[in-house]
Amino acid sequence: MSAVTLSLLPANVCGIDEAGCGTLAGAVVAAAVLLNPERPIPGLNDSKKLSEKRREALAKIIRAEALAFCVAEASAVEIDRLNILQATFLAMRRAVEGLAIAPVSAAVDGNRAPPLTIPVETVVKGDGKIAAIAAASILAKTTRDAAMRVLHERYPVYGFDRHMGYPTPAHLAALSRHGACPEHRRSFSPVARLSLL
């Protein structure tokens, strides 16, 4: 596959992305990243288009080379209380507020802008277009995957280390067999249906 060249943001503009919106369990994780346009990181791309090994390698480089980054989350309980969109926005706001360098504006993947105290530009498929958003997608994905592997150790019957909480046939079968664990999102229909049985 040929290398992808992504657009660079100014050093004072952060990229934001999330991981785990569509899963049935665990937190939604968001990352905010300020990259140095003078030192581009080769190989950045939408985290979903990278192998796990490549994502992990790039995550280390991003953490070492970024001017600033922060990864934050909203828990399954917060998702159930707020709804997934508002919980995602909360995680994004926490990530931006946690940056060691305050950005003047942000670019976020998708078409919905989180309410921040700085201007936000939405970029559809931004994780494949803008380097800082791609970097945020990689940090969010690798952080969330690591958290789901920890959850797998606590609740091995669900296979979180394989599907990361997404509604795969194996996950749905485990849910119907074992019921929901404390990390399952009660407001998501496959889980909510169980409690109605």
N, C-alpha and C. Protein backbone atom coordinates (compact mmCIF):
# COMPACT_ATOMS: atom_id res chain seq x y z
N MET A 1 0.85 -1.18 0.00
CA MET A 1 0.00 0.00 0.00
C MET A 1 0.89 1.24 0.00
N SER A 2 0.59 2.21 -0.85
CA SER A 2 1.43 3.40 -0.95
C SER A 2 1.26 4.28 0.28
N ALA A 3 2.32 5.05 0.57
CA ALA A 3 2.29 5.93 1.74
C ALA A 3 1.25 7.03 1.54
N VAL A 4 0.61 7.40 2.64
CA VAL A 4 -0.41 8.45 2.61
C VAL A 4 0.21 9.73 3.16
N THR A 5 0.05 10.83 2.45
CA THR A 5 0.54 12.12 2.94
C THR A 5 -0.64 12.89 3.50
N LEU A 6 -0.55 13.21 4.79
CA LEU A 6 -1.64 13.90 5.46
C LEU A 6 -1.31 15.37 5.65
N SER A 7 -2.34 16.20 5.70
CA SER A 7 -2.16 17.63 5.92
C SER A 7 -1.68 17.90 7.34
N LEU A 8 -0.83 18.91 7.47
CA LEU A 8 -0.32 19.30 8.79
C LEU A 8 -1.06 20.52 9.29
N LEU A 9 -1.42 20.49 10.56
CA LEU A 9 -2.04 21.65 11.20
C LEU A 9 -0.94 22.54 11.78
N PRO A 10 -1.23 23.81 12.01
CA PRO A 10 -0.28 24.65 12.76
C PRO A 10 -0.02 24.05 14.14
N ALA A 11 1.12 24.39 14.71
CA ALA A 11 1.53 23.80 15.99
C ALA A 11 0.56 24.09 17.13
N ASN A 12 -0.23 25.16 16.99
CA ASN A 12 -1.14 25.52 18.09
C ASN A 12 -2.58 25.06 17.84
N VAL A 13 -2.78 24.17 16.88
CA VAL A 13 -4.11 23.59 16.60
C VAL A 13 -4.05 22.09 16.87
N CYS A 14 -4.94 21.60 17.72
CA CYS A 14 -4.90 20.18 18.07
C CYS A 14 -5.85 19.37 17.20
N GLY A 15 -5.49 18.12 17.00
CA GLY A 15 -6.37 17.15 16.36
C GLY A 15 -7.04 16.31 17.43
N ILE A 16 -8.30 15.95 17.20
CA ILE A 16 -9.08 15.18 18.19
C ILE A 16 -9.76 14.01 17.49
N ASP A 17 -9.74 12.85 18.12
CA ASP A 17 -10.52 11.71 17.63
C ASP A 17 -10.86 10.81 18.81
N GLU A 18 -11.76 9.87 18.57
CA GLU A 18 -12.22 8.96 19.62
C GLU A 18 -12.14 7.51 19.16
N ALA A 19 -12.26 6.62 20.11
CA ALA A 19 -12.36 5.18 19.83
C ALA A 19 -13.38 4.58 20.78
N GLY A 20 -14.20 3.67 20.26
CA GLY A 20 -15.11 2.93 21.11
C GLY A 20 -16.53 3.42 21.17
N CYS A 21 -16.92 4.27 20.24
CA CYS A 21 -18.32 4.75 20.24
C CYS A 21 -19.30 3.60 20.03
N GLY A 22 -18.96 2.68 19.15
CA GLY A 22 -19.92 1.64 18.75
C GLY A 22 -19.80 0.34 19.51
N THR A 23 -19.06 0.33 20.60
CA THR A 23 -18.90 -0.92 21.35
C THR A 23 -20.00 -1.07 22.40
N LEU A 24 -20.15 -2.28 22.91
CA LEU A 24 -21.17 -2.56 23.91
C LEU A 24 -20.63 -2.51 25.33
N ALA A 25 -19.32 -2.37 25.47
CA ALA A 25 -18.71 -2.42 26.80
C ALA A 25 -17.50 -1.50 26.85
N GLY A 26 -17.18 -1.08 28.07
CA GLY A 26 -16.00 -0.26 28.28
C GLY A 26 -16.24 1.22 28.01
N ALA A 27 -15.21 1.99 28.25
CA ALA A 27 -15.28 3.44 28.10
C ALA A 27 -15.18 3.84 26.63
N VAL A 28 -15.60 5.07 26.33
CA VAL A 28 -15.25 5.71 25.07
C VAL A 28 -14.01 6.54 25.37
N VAL A 29 -13.01 6.45 24.49
CA VAL A 29 -11.72 7.09 24.73
C VAL A 29 -11.49 8.14 23.66
N ALA A 30 -11.02 9.30 24.07
CA ALA A 30 -10.70 10.38 23.13
C ALA A 30 -9.27 10.83 23.36
N ALA A 31 -8.65 11.30 22.28
CA ALA A 31 -7.30 11.85 22.38
C ALA A 31 -7.25 13.19 21.69
N ALA A 32 -6.42 14.07 22.22
CA ALA A 32 -6.13 15.37 21.60
C ALA A 32 -4.62 15.45 21.44
N VAL A 33 -4.18 15.87 20.25
CA VAL A 33 -2.74 15.87 19.95
C VAL A 33 -2.34 17.18 19.26
N LEU A 34 -1.25 17.76 19.73
CA LEU A 34 -0.59 18.87 19.05
C LEU A 34 0.71 18.33 18.48
N LEU A 35 0.83 18.34 17.15
CA LEU A 35 2.05 17.87 16.50
C LEU A 35 2.93 19.06 16.11
N ASN A 36 4.20 18.79 15.97
CA ASN A 36 5.15 19.79 15.50
C ASN A 36 5.21 19.73 13.97
N PRO A 37 4.71 20.75 13.26
CA PRO A 37 4.73 20.70 11.80
C PRO A 37 6.14 20.68 11.22
N GLU A 38 7.13 21.07 12.05
CA GLU A 38 8.53 21.03 11.60
C GLU A 38 9.09 19.61 11.63
N ARG A 39 8.40 18.73 12.36
CA ARG A 39 8.90 17.35 12.50
C ARG A 39 7.75 16.36 12.23
N PRO A 40 7.33 16.25 10.96
CA PRO A 40 6.22 15.33 10.64
C PRO A 40 6.58 13.88 10.96
N ILE A 41 5.58 13.12 11.35
CA ILE A 41 5.77 11.70 11.68
C ILE A 41 5.34 10.87 10.48
N PRO A 42 6.25 10.16 9.83
CA PRO A 42 5.88 9.35 8.66
C PRO A 42 4.96 8.19 9.05
N GLY A 43 4.04 7.85 8.15
CA GLY A 43 3.21 6.66 8.34
C GLY A 43 1.91 6.87 9.07
N LEU A 44 1.62 8.11 9.49
CA LEU A 44 0.34 8.35 10.18
C LEU A 44 -0.82 8.10 9.23
N ASN A 45 -1.88 7.52 9.76
CA ASN A 45 -3.09 7.26 8.98
C ASN A 45 -4.22 6.95 9.96
N ASP A 46 -5.42 6.86 9.42
CA ASP A 46 -6.58 6.39 10.18
C ASP A 46 -6.19 5.10 10.89
N SER A 47 -6.38 5.05 12.20
CA SER A 47 -5.94 3.88 12.98
C SER A 47 -6.55 2.57 12.48
N LYS A 48 -7.77 2.65 11.90
CA LYS A 48 -8.44 1.44 11.42
C LYS A 48 -7.76 0.87 10.18
N LYS A 49 -6.94 1.67 9.51
CA LYS A 49 -6.25 1.21 8.30
C LYS A 49 -4.84 0.72 8.59
N LEU A 50 -4.47 0.68 9.86
CA LEU A 50 -3.14 0.24 10.26
C LEU A 50 -3.23 -1.09 11.00
N SER A 51 -2.20 -1.90 10.87
CA SER A 51 -2.14 -3.15 11.64
C SER A 51 -1.93 -2.81 13.12
N GLU A 52 -2.27 -3.75 13.97
CA GLU A 52 -2.09 -3.52 15.41
C GLU A 52 -0.63 -3.21 15.73
N LYS A 53 0.29 -3.95 15.10
CA LYS A 53 1.72 -3.74 15.34
C LYS A 53 2.14 -2.33 14.92
N ARG A 54 1.64 -1.89 13.76
CA ARG A 54 2.00 -0.55 13.26
C ARG A 54 1.40 0.54 14.15
N ARG A 55 0.16 0.33 14.59
CA ARG A 55 -0.47 1.30 15.50
C ARG A 55 0.33 1.46 16.78
N GLU A 56 0.75 0.33 17.36
CA GLU A 56 1.50 0.37 18.61
C GLU A 56 2.83 1.09 18.42
N ALA A 57 3.50 0.83 17.30
CA ALA A 57 4.79 1.48 17.03
C ALA A 57 4.60 2.98 16.85
N LEU A 58 3.57 3.36 16.11
CA LEU A 58 3.31 4.79 15.89
C LEU A 58 2.89 5.49 17.18
N ALA A 59 2.13 4.80 18.02
CA ALA A 59 1.70 5.40 19.29
C ALA A 59 2.92 5.81 20.12
N LYS A 60 3.95 4.97 20.15
CA LYS A 60 5.17 5.30 20.90
C LYS A 60 5.85 6.53 20.31
N ILE A 61 5.89 6.60 18.97
CA ILE A 61 6.53 7.74 18.31
C ILE A 61 5.73 9.02 18.59
N ILE A 62 4.41 8.93 18.50
CA ILE A 62 3.56 10.11 18.75
C ILE A 62 3.79 10.62 20.17
N ARG A 63 3.81 9.71 21.14
CA ARG A 63 4.00 10.12 22.53
C ARG A 63 5.37 10.77 22.73
N ALA A 64 6.36 10.33 21.97
CA ALA A 64 7.71 10.89 22.09
C ALA A 64 7.86 12.21 21.33
N GLU A 65 7.20 12.34 20.18
CA GLU A 65 7.44 13.46 19.27
C GLU A 65 6.40 14.58 19.36
N ALA A 66 5.21 14.30 19.84
CA ALA A 66 4.17 15.34 19.86
C ALA A 66 4.57 16.49 20.78
N LEU A 67 4.14 17.69 20.41
CA LEU A 67 4.36 18.84 21.30
C LEU A 67 3.57 18.65 22.59
N ALA A 68 2.38 18.08 22.47
CA ALA A 68 1.54 17.78 23.63
C ALA A 68 0.47 16.78 23.20
N PHE A 69 0.07 15.93 24.12
CA PHE A 69 -1.05 15.01 23.86
C PHE A 69 -1.73 14.70 25.18
N CYS A 70 -2.99 14.33 25.09
CA CYS A 70 -3.72 13.87 26.27
C CYS A 70 -4.77 12.87 25.81
N VAL A 71 -4.89 11.79 26.54
CA VAL A 71 -5.91 10.77 26.28
C VAL A 71 -6.84 10.74 27.49
N ALA A 72 -8.15 10.80 27.22
CA ALA A 72 -9.13 10.83 28.31
C ALA A 72 -10.30 9.91 27.93
N GLU A 73 -11.18 9.69 28.88
CA GLU A 73 -12.30 8.77 28.60
C GLU A 73 -13.56 9.21 29.31
N ALA A 74 -14.65 8.61 28.89
CA ALA A 74 -15.91 8.66 29.63
C ALA A 74 -16.32 7.21 29.85
N SER A 75 -16.68 6.88 31.06
CA SER A 75 -16.94 5.50 31.46
C SER A 75 -18.26 4.98 30.91
N ALA A 76 -18.44 3.68 31.01
CA ALA A 76 -19.71 3.06 30.61
C ALA A 76 -20.87 3.65 31.41
N VAL A 77 -20.65 3.94 32.68
CA VAL A 77 -21.69 4.55 33.52
C VAL A 77 -22.04 5.94 33.00
N GLU A 78 -21.02 6.71 32.63
CA GLU A 78 -21.27 8.05 32.09
C GLU A 78 -21.98 7.97 30.74
N ILE A 79 -21.61 6.98 29.93
CA ILE A 79 -22.28 6.78 28.64
C ILE A 79 -23.77 6.51 28.85
N ASP A 80 -24.08 5.64 29.81
CA ASP A 80 -25.48 5.31 30.09
C ASP A 80 -26.25 6.52 30.63
N ARG A 81 -25.56 7.35 31.40
CA ARG A 81 -26.22 8.51 31.99
C ARG A 81 -26.43 9.63 30.97
N LEU A 82 -25.45 9.86 30.12
CA LEU A 82 -25.47 11.03 29.23
C LEU A 82 -25.98 10.74 27.83
N ASN A 83 -25.71 9.57 27.29
CA ASN A 83 -25.85 9.05 25.93
C ASN A 83 -24.47 9.07 25.28
N ILE A 84 -24.28 8.28 24.24
CA ILE A 84 -22.93 8.07 23.70
C ILE A 84 -22.36 9.34 23.09
N LEU A 85 -23.18 10.15 22.43
CA LEU A 85 -22.65 11.37 21.82
C LEU A 85 -22.14 12.34 22.87
N GLN A 86 -22.95 12.59 23.90
CA GLN A 86 -22.54 13.54 24.93
C GLN A 86 -21.35 13.01 25.75
N ALA A 87 -21.30 11.69 25.95
CA ALA A 87 -20.16 11.09 26.66
C ALA A 87 -18.88 11.21 25.82
N THR A 88 -19.02 11.06 24.51
CA THR A 88 -17.87 11.23 23.62
C THR A 88 -17.37 12.67 23.68
N PHE A 89 -18.31 13.61 23.64
CA PHE A 89 -17.93 15.03 23.75
C PHE A 89 -17.23 15.30 25.09
N LEU A 90 -17.71 14.66 26.16
CA LEU A 90 -17.10 14.83 27.48
C LEU A 90 -15.66 14.32 27.46
N ALA A 91 -15.44 13.14 26.88
CA ALA A 91 -14.09 12.59 26.79
C ALA A 91 -13.18 13.51 25.96
N MET A 92 -13.72 14.05 24.87
CA MET A 92 -12.95 14.97 24.03
C MET A 92 -12.58 16.24 24.80
N ARG A 93 -13.54 16.77 25.54
CA ARG A 93 -13.27 17.98 26.32
C ARG A 93 -12.21 17.70 27.38
N ARG A 94 -12.29 16.57 28.04
CA ARG A 94 -11.28 16.21 29.03
C ARG A 94 -9.90 16.10 28.39
N ALA A 95 -9.84 15.53 27.17
CA ALA A 95 -8.56 15.37 26.49
C ALA A 95 -7.96 16.74 26.15
N VAL A 96 -8.78 17.64 25.62
CA VAL A 96 -8.28 18.98 25.26
C VAL A 96 -7.85 19.75 26.51
N GLU A 97 -8.67 19.65 27.56
CA GLU A 97 -8.33 20.38 28.79
C GLU A 97 -7.09 19.81 29.47
N GLY A 98 -6.74 18.57 29.15
CA GLY A 98 -5.57 17.94 29.75
C GLY A 98 -4.27 18.20 29.01
N LEU A 99 -4.34 18.89 27.88
CA LEU A 99 -3.12 19.18 27.12
C LEU A 99 -2.19 20.11 27.91
N ALA A 100 -0.90 19.83 27.89
CA ALA A 100 0.07 20.67 28.59
C ALA A 100 0.26 22.02 27.91
N ILE A 101 -0.06 22.07 26.61
CA ILE A 101 -0.01 23.33 25.86
C ILE A 101 -1.44 23.63 25.41
N ALA A 102 -1.95 24.79 25.73
CA ALA A 102 -3.33 25.13 25.37
C ALA A 102 -3.42 25.45 23.88
N PRO A 103 -4.24 24.72 23.13
CA PRO A 103 -4.40 25.01 21.70
C PRO A 103 -5.29 26.24 21.48
N VAL A 104 -5.12 26.89 20.32
CA VAL A 104 -5.99 28.04 20.01
C VAL A 104 -7.26 27.58 19.30
N SER A 105 -7.20 26.40 18.68
CA SER A 105 -8.38 25.83 18.03
C SER A 105 -8.16 24.33 17.87
N ALA A 106 -9.19 23.64 17.36
CA ALA A 106 -9.13 22.19 17.24
C ALA A 106 -9.76 21.74 15.93
N ALA A 107 -9.29 20.61 15.44
CA ALA A 107 -9.91 19.93 14.30
C ALA A 107 -10.31 18.55 14.78
N VAL A 108 -11.58 18.19 14.59
CA VAL A 108 -12.09 16.93 15.11
C VAL A 108 -12.59 16.05 13.97
N ASP A 109 -12.36 14.75 14.10
CA ASP A 109 -12.84 13.81 13.10
C ASP A 109 -14.36 13.71 13.17
N GLY A 110 -15.00 13.71 12.00
CA GLY A 110 -16.45 13.53 11.97
C GLY A 110 -17.18 14.80 11.58
N ASN A 111 -18.49 14.81 11.84
CA ASN A 111 -19.31 15.96 11.46
C ASN A 111 -20.02 16.60 12.65
N ARG A 112 -19.63 16.21 13.87
CA ARG A 112 -20.23 16.79 15.08
C ARG A 112 -19.12 17.38 15.93
N ALA A 113 -19.27 18.63 16.30
CA ALA A 113 -18.23 19.33 17.07
C ALA A 113 -18.52 19.29 18.56
N PRO A 114 -17.57 18.85 19.38
CA PRO A 114 -17.78 18.92 20.82
C PRO A 114 -17.80 20.37 21.28
N PRO A 115 -18.57 20.69 22.31
CA PRO A 115 -18.58 22.07 22.83
C PRO A 115 -17.30 22.33 23.63
N LEU A 116 -16.40 23.10 23.04
CA LEU A 116 -15.14 23.45 23.69
C LEU A 116 -15.07 24.96 23.88
N THR A 117 -14.09 25.41 24.64
CA THR A 117 -13.91 26.84 24.84
C THR A 117 -13.09 27.47 23.72
N ILE A 118 -12.66 26.66 22.75
CA ILE A 118 -11.91 27.14 21.59
C ILE A 118 -12.69 26.79 20.32
N PRO A 119 -12.44 27.47 19.21
CA PRO A 119 -13.12 27.12 17.96
C PRO A 119 -12.79 25.69 17.53
N VAL A 120 -13.79 25.00 16.96
CA VAL A 120 -13.62 23.61 16.51
C VAL A 120 -14.06 23.49 15.06
N GLU A 121 -13.22 22.87 14.25
CA GLU A 121 -13.57 22.56 12.87
C GLU A 121 -13.82 21.06 12.77
N THR A 122 -14.93 20.66 12.16
CA THR A 122 -15.18 19.24 11.94
C THR A 122 -14.63 18.84 10.57
N VAL A 123 -14.05 17.64 10.50
CA VAL A 123 -13.47 17.15 9.26
C VAL A 123 -13.93 15.70 9.06
N VAL A 124 -14.85 15.49 8.12
CA VAL A 124 -15.32 14.13 7.83
C VAL A 124 -14.16 13.31 7.29
N LYS A 125 -13.98 12.11 7.86
CA LYS A 125 -12.84 11.24 7.54
C LYS A 125 -11.51 11.95 7.78
N GLY A 126 -11.51 12.81 8.80
CA GLY A 126 -10.32 13.59 9.12
C GLY A 126 -9.13 12.74 9.53
N ASP A 127 -9.40 11.53 10.08
CA ASP A 127 -8.28 10.68 10.51
C ASP A 127 -7.48 10.14 9.34
N GLY A 128 -8.00 10.27 8.13
CA GLY A 128 -7.26 9.89 6.94
C GLY A 128 -6.79 11.09 6.13
N LYS A 129 -7.01 12.30 6.66
CA LYS A 129 -6.66 13.53 5.93
C LYS A 129 -5.68 14.43 6.67
N ILE A 130 -5.79 14.48 8.00
CA ILE A 130 -5.01 15.43 8.81
C ILE A 130 -4.16 14.66 9.82
N ALA A 131 -2.86 14.97 9.82
CA ALA A 131 -1.91 14.20 10.62
C ALA A 131 -2.26 14.19 12.11
N ALA A 132 -2.61 15.35 12.67
CA ALA A 132 -2.89 15.41 14.11
C ALA A 132 -4.13 14.61 14.49
N ILE A 133 -5.13 14.58 13.59
CA ILE A 133 -6.32 13.76 13.87
C ILE A 133 -5.97 12.28 13.77
N ALA A 134 -5.15 11.92 12.77
CA ALA A 134 -4.70 10.52 12.65
C ALA A 134 -3.94 10.11 13.91
N ALA A 135 -3.06 11.00 14.40
CA ALA A 135 -2.31 10.71 15.62
C ALA A 135 -3.25 10.51 16.80
N ALA A 136 -4.28 11.36 16.88
CA ALA A 136 -5.27 11.22 17.96
C ALA A 136 -6.02 9.90 17.84
N SER A 137 -6.35 9.51 16.61
CA SER A 137 -7.07 8.24 16.42
C SER A 137 -6.21 7.05 16.86
N ILE A 138 -4.91 7.14 16.60
CA ILE A 138 -3.99 6.05 16.99
C ILE A 138 -3.86 5.97 18.51
N LEU A 139 -3.70 7.12 19.16
CA LEU A 139 -3.59 7.11 20.63
C LEU A 139 -4.88 6.64 21.29
N ALA A 140 -6.02 7.09 20.76
CA ALA A 140 -7.30 6.68 21.34
C ALA A 140 -7.50 5.17 21.18
N LYS A 141 -7.22 4.67 19.99
CA LYS A 141 -7.44 3.24 19.70
C LYS A 141 -6.50 2.35 20.51
N THR A 142 -5.21 2.68 20.55
CA THR A 142 -4.27 1.83 21.28
C THR A 142 -4.53 1.87 22.78
N THR A 143 -4.91 3.04 23.29
CA THR A 143 -5.21 3.15 24.73
C THR A 143 -6.46 2.34 25.07
N ARG A 144 -7.47 2.45 24.24
CA ARG A 144 -8.71 1.72 24.50
C ARG A 144 -8.50 0.21 24.39
N ASP A 145 -7.77 -0.22 23.37
CA ASP A 145 -7.51 -1.66 23.21
C ASP A 145 -6.77 -2.22 24.43
N ALA A 146 -5.81 -1.46 24.94
CA ALA A 146 -5.08 -1.90 26.14
C ALA A 146 -6.02 -2.03 27.33
N ALA A 147 -6.95 -1.08 27.46
CA ALA A 147 -7.92 -1.13 28.56
C ALA A 147 -8.85 -2.33 28.41
N MET A 148 -9.23 -2.65 27.18
CA MET A 148 -10.11 -3.81 26.97
C MET A 148 -9.37 -5.12 27.24
N ARG A 149 -8.07 -5.16 27.01
CA ARG A 149 -7.32 -6.37 27.36
C ARG A 149 -7.25 -6.55 28.87
N VAL A 150 -7.19 -5.44 29.60
CA VAL A 150 -7.24 -5.50 31.07
C VAL A 150 -8.62 -6.00 31.52
N LEU A 151 -9.68 -5.49 30.87
CA LEU A 151 -11.04 -5.96 31.19
C LEU A 151 -11.18 -7.45 30.90
N HIS A 152 -10.52 -7.92 29.86
CA HIS A 152 -10.58 -9.35 29.53
C HIS A 152 -10.03 -10.19 30.68
N GLU A 153 -9.00 -9.70 31.35
CA GLU A 153 -8.45 -10.46 32.48
C GLU A 153 -9.46 -10.54 33.61
N ARG A 154 -10.28 -9.51 33.77
CA ARG A 154 -11.29 -9.51 34.84
C ARG A 154 -12.54 -10.29 34.45
N TYR A 155 -12.89 -10.24 33.15
CA TYR A 155 -14.12 -10.89 32.66
C TYR A 155 -13.80 -11.71 31.42
N PRO A 156 -13.05 -12.82 31.57
CA PRO A 156 -12.56 -13.54 30.39
C PRO A 156 -13.65 -14.22 29.55
N VAL A 157 -14.83 -14.42 30.11
CA VAL A 157 -15.86 -15.16 29.36
C VAL A 157 -16.37 -14.41 28.13
N TYR A 158 -16.13 -13.09 28.09
CA TYR A 158 -16.68 -12.29 26.97
C TYR A 158 -15.74 -12.18 25.78
N GLY A 159 -14.46 -12.47 25.97
CA GLY A 159 -13.51 -12.36 24.86
C GLY A 159 -13.19 -10.93 24.46
N PHE A 160 -13.15 -10.03 25.44
CA PHE A 160 -12.87 -8.62 25.14
C PHE A 160 -11.53 -8.42 24.43
N ASP A 161 -10.57 -9.33 24.65
CA ASP A 161 -9.26 -9.17 24.03
C ASP A 161 -9.31 -9.42 22.52
N ARG A 162 -10.39 -10.03 22.05
CA ARG A 162 -10.51 -10.30 20.60
C ARG A 162 -11.37 -9.26 19.89
N HIS A 163 -12.54 -8.95 20.45
CA HIS A 163 -13.46 -8.03 19.74
C HIS A 163 -13.48 -6.63 20.34
N MET A 164 -12.77 -6.41 21.45
CA MET A 164 -12.65 -5.09 22.09
C MET A 164 -14.00 -4.49 22.48
N GLY A 165 -15.00 -5.35 22.65
CA GLY A 165 -16.32 -4.87 23.08
C GLY A 165 -17.30 -4.64 21.95
N TYR A 166 -16.86 -4.78 20.70
CA TYR A 166 -17.78 -4.58 19.58
C TYR A 166 -18.79 -5.73 19.52
N PRO A 167 -19.97 -5.50 18.93
CA PRO A 167 -21.04 -6.51 18.94
C PRO A 167 -20.84 -7.61 17.90
N THR A 168 -19.77 -8.36 18.04
CA THR A 168 -19.52 -9.50 17.15
C THR A 168 -20.45 -10.66 17.54
N PRO A 169 -20.63 -11.63 16.65
CA PRO A 169 -21.45 -12.80 17.01
C PRO A 169 -20.95 -13.48 18.29
N ALA A 170 -19.63 -13.60 18.46
CA ALA A 170 -19.08 -14.24 19.66
C ALA A 170 -19.42 -13.45 20.92
N HIS A 171 -19.34 -12.12 20.82
CA HIS A 171 -19.66 -11.27 21.97
C HIS A 171 -21.14 -11.38 22.31
N LEU A 172 -22.00 -11.32 21.30
CA LEU A 172 -23.44 -11.41 21.54
C LEU A 172 -23.81 -12.76 22.14
N ALA A 173 -23.13 -13.82 21.67
CA ALA A 173 -23.39 -15.15 22.22
C ALA A 173 -22.97 -15.21 23.69
N ALA A 174 -21.82 -14.62 24.02
CA ALA A 174 -21.35 -14.61 25.40
C ALA A 174 -22.29 -13.79 26.29
N LEU A 175 -22.80 -12.69 25.74
CA LEU A 175 -23.75 -11.87 26.49
C LEU A 175 -25.01 -12.66 26.82
N SER A 176 -25.54 -13.37 25.84
CA SER A 176 -26.78 -14.11 26.09
C SER A 176 -26.52 -15.28 27.04
N ARG A 177 -25.30 -15.81 27.01
CA ARG A 177 -24.98 -16.95 27.88
C ARG A 177 -24.70 -16.50 29.32
N HIS A 178 -23.98 -15.39 29.48
CA HIS A 178 -23.49 -15.00 30.81
C HIS A 178 -24.15 -13.75 31.37
N GLY A 179 -24.97 -13.07 30.55
CA GLY A 179 -25.51 -11.80 31.00
C GLY A 179 -24.46 -10.70 30.91
N ALA A 180 -24.80 -9.50 31.35
CA ALA A 180 -23.89 -8.36 31.25
C ALA A 180 -22.99 -8.27 32.47
N CYS A 181 -21.78 -7.77 32.25
CA CYS A 181 -20.87 -7.49 33.36
C CYS A 181 -20.99 -6.00 33.72
N PRO A 182 -20.37 -5.55 34.80
CA PRO A 182 -20.50 -4.13 35.18
C PRO A 182 -19.99 -3.14 34.13
N GLU A 183 -19.15 -3.60 33.21
CA GLU A 183 -18.59 -2.69 32.20
C GLU A 183 -19.44 -2.62 30.93
N HIS A 184 -20.52 -3.40 30.87
CA HIS A 184 -21.39 -3.32 29.69
C HIS A 184 -22.28 -2.06 29.78
N ARG A 185 -22.56 -1.49 28.62
CA ARG A 185 -23.37 -0.28 28.53
C ARG A 185 -24.85 -0.65 28.52
N ARG A 186 -25.51 -0.39 29.62
CA ARG A 186 -26.91 -0.80 29.79
C ARG A 186 -27.84 -0.11 28.80
N SER A 187 -27.45 1.05 28.29
CA SER A 187 -28.32 1.82 27.39
C SER A 187 -28.22 1.35 25.93
N PHE A 188 -27.29 0.46 25.62
CA PHE A 188 -27.14 -0.04 24.24
C PHE A 188 -28.06 -1.24 24.05
N SER A 189 -28.77 -1.26 22.92
CA SER A 189 -29.90 -2.18 22.77
C SER A 189 -29.57 -3.65 22.99
N PRO A 190 -28.45 -4.21 22.48
CA PRO A 190 -28.22 -5.64 22.74
C PRO A 190 -28.10 -5.96 24.23
N VAL A 191 -27.57 -5.00 25.01
CA VAL A 191 -27.45 -5.20 26.45
C VAL A 191 -28.79 -4.91 27.12
N ALA A 192 -29.47 -3.84 26.69
CA ALA A 192 -30.76 -3.47 27.27
C ALA A 192 -31.77 -4.59 27.08
N ARG A 193 -31.73 -5.25 25.92
CA ARG A 193 -32.68 -6.34 25.64
C ARG A 193 -32.53 -7.48 26.65
N LEU A 194 -31.28 -7.73 27.08
CA LEU A 194 -31.05 -8.82 28.05
C LEU A 194 -31.80 -8.57 29.34
N SER A 195 -31.76 -7.29 29.80
CA SER A 195 -32.40 -6.99 31.08
C SER A 195 -33.93 -7.06 30.99
N LEU A 196 -34.46 -7.09 29.76
CA LEU A 196 -35.90 -7.19 29.59
C LEU A 196 -36.39 -8.64 29.54
N LEU A 197 -35.45 -9.56 29.37
CA LEU A 197 -35.86 -10.97 29.24
C LEU A 197 -36.38 -11.51 30.57
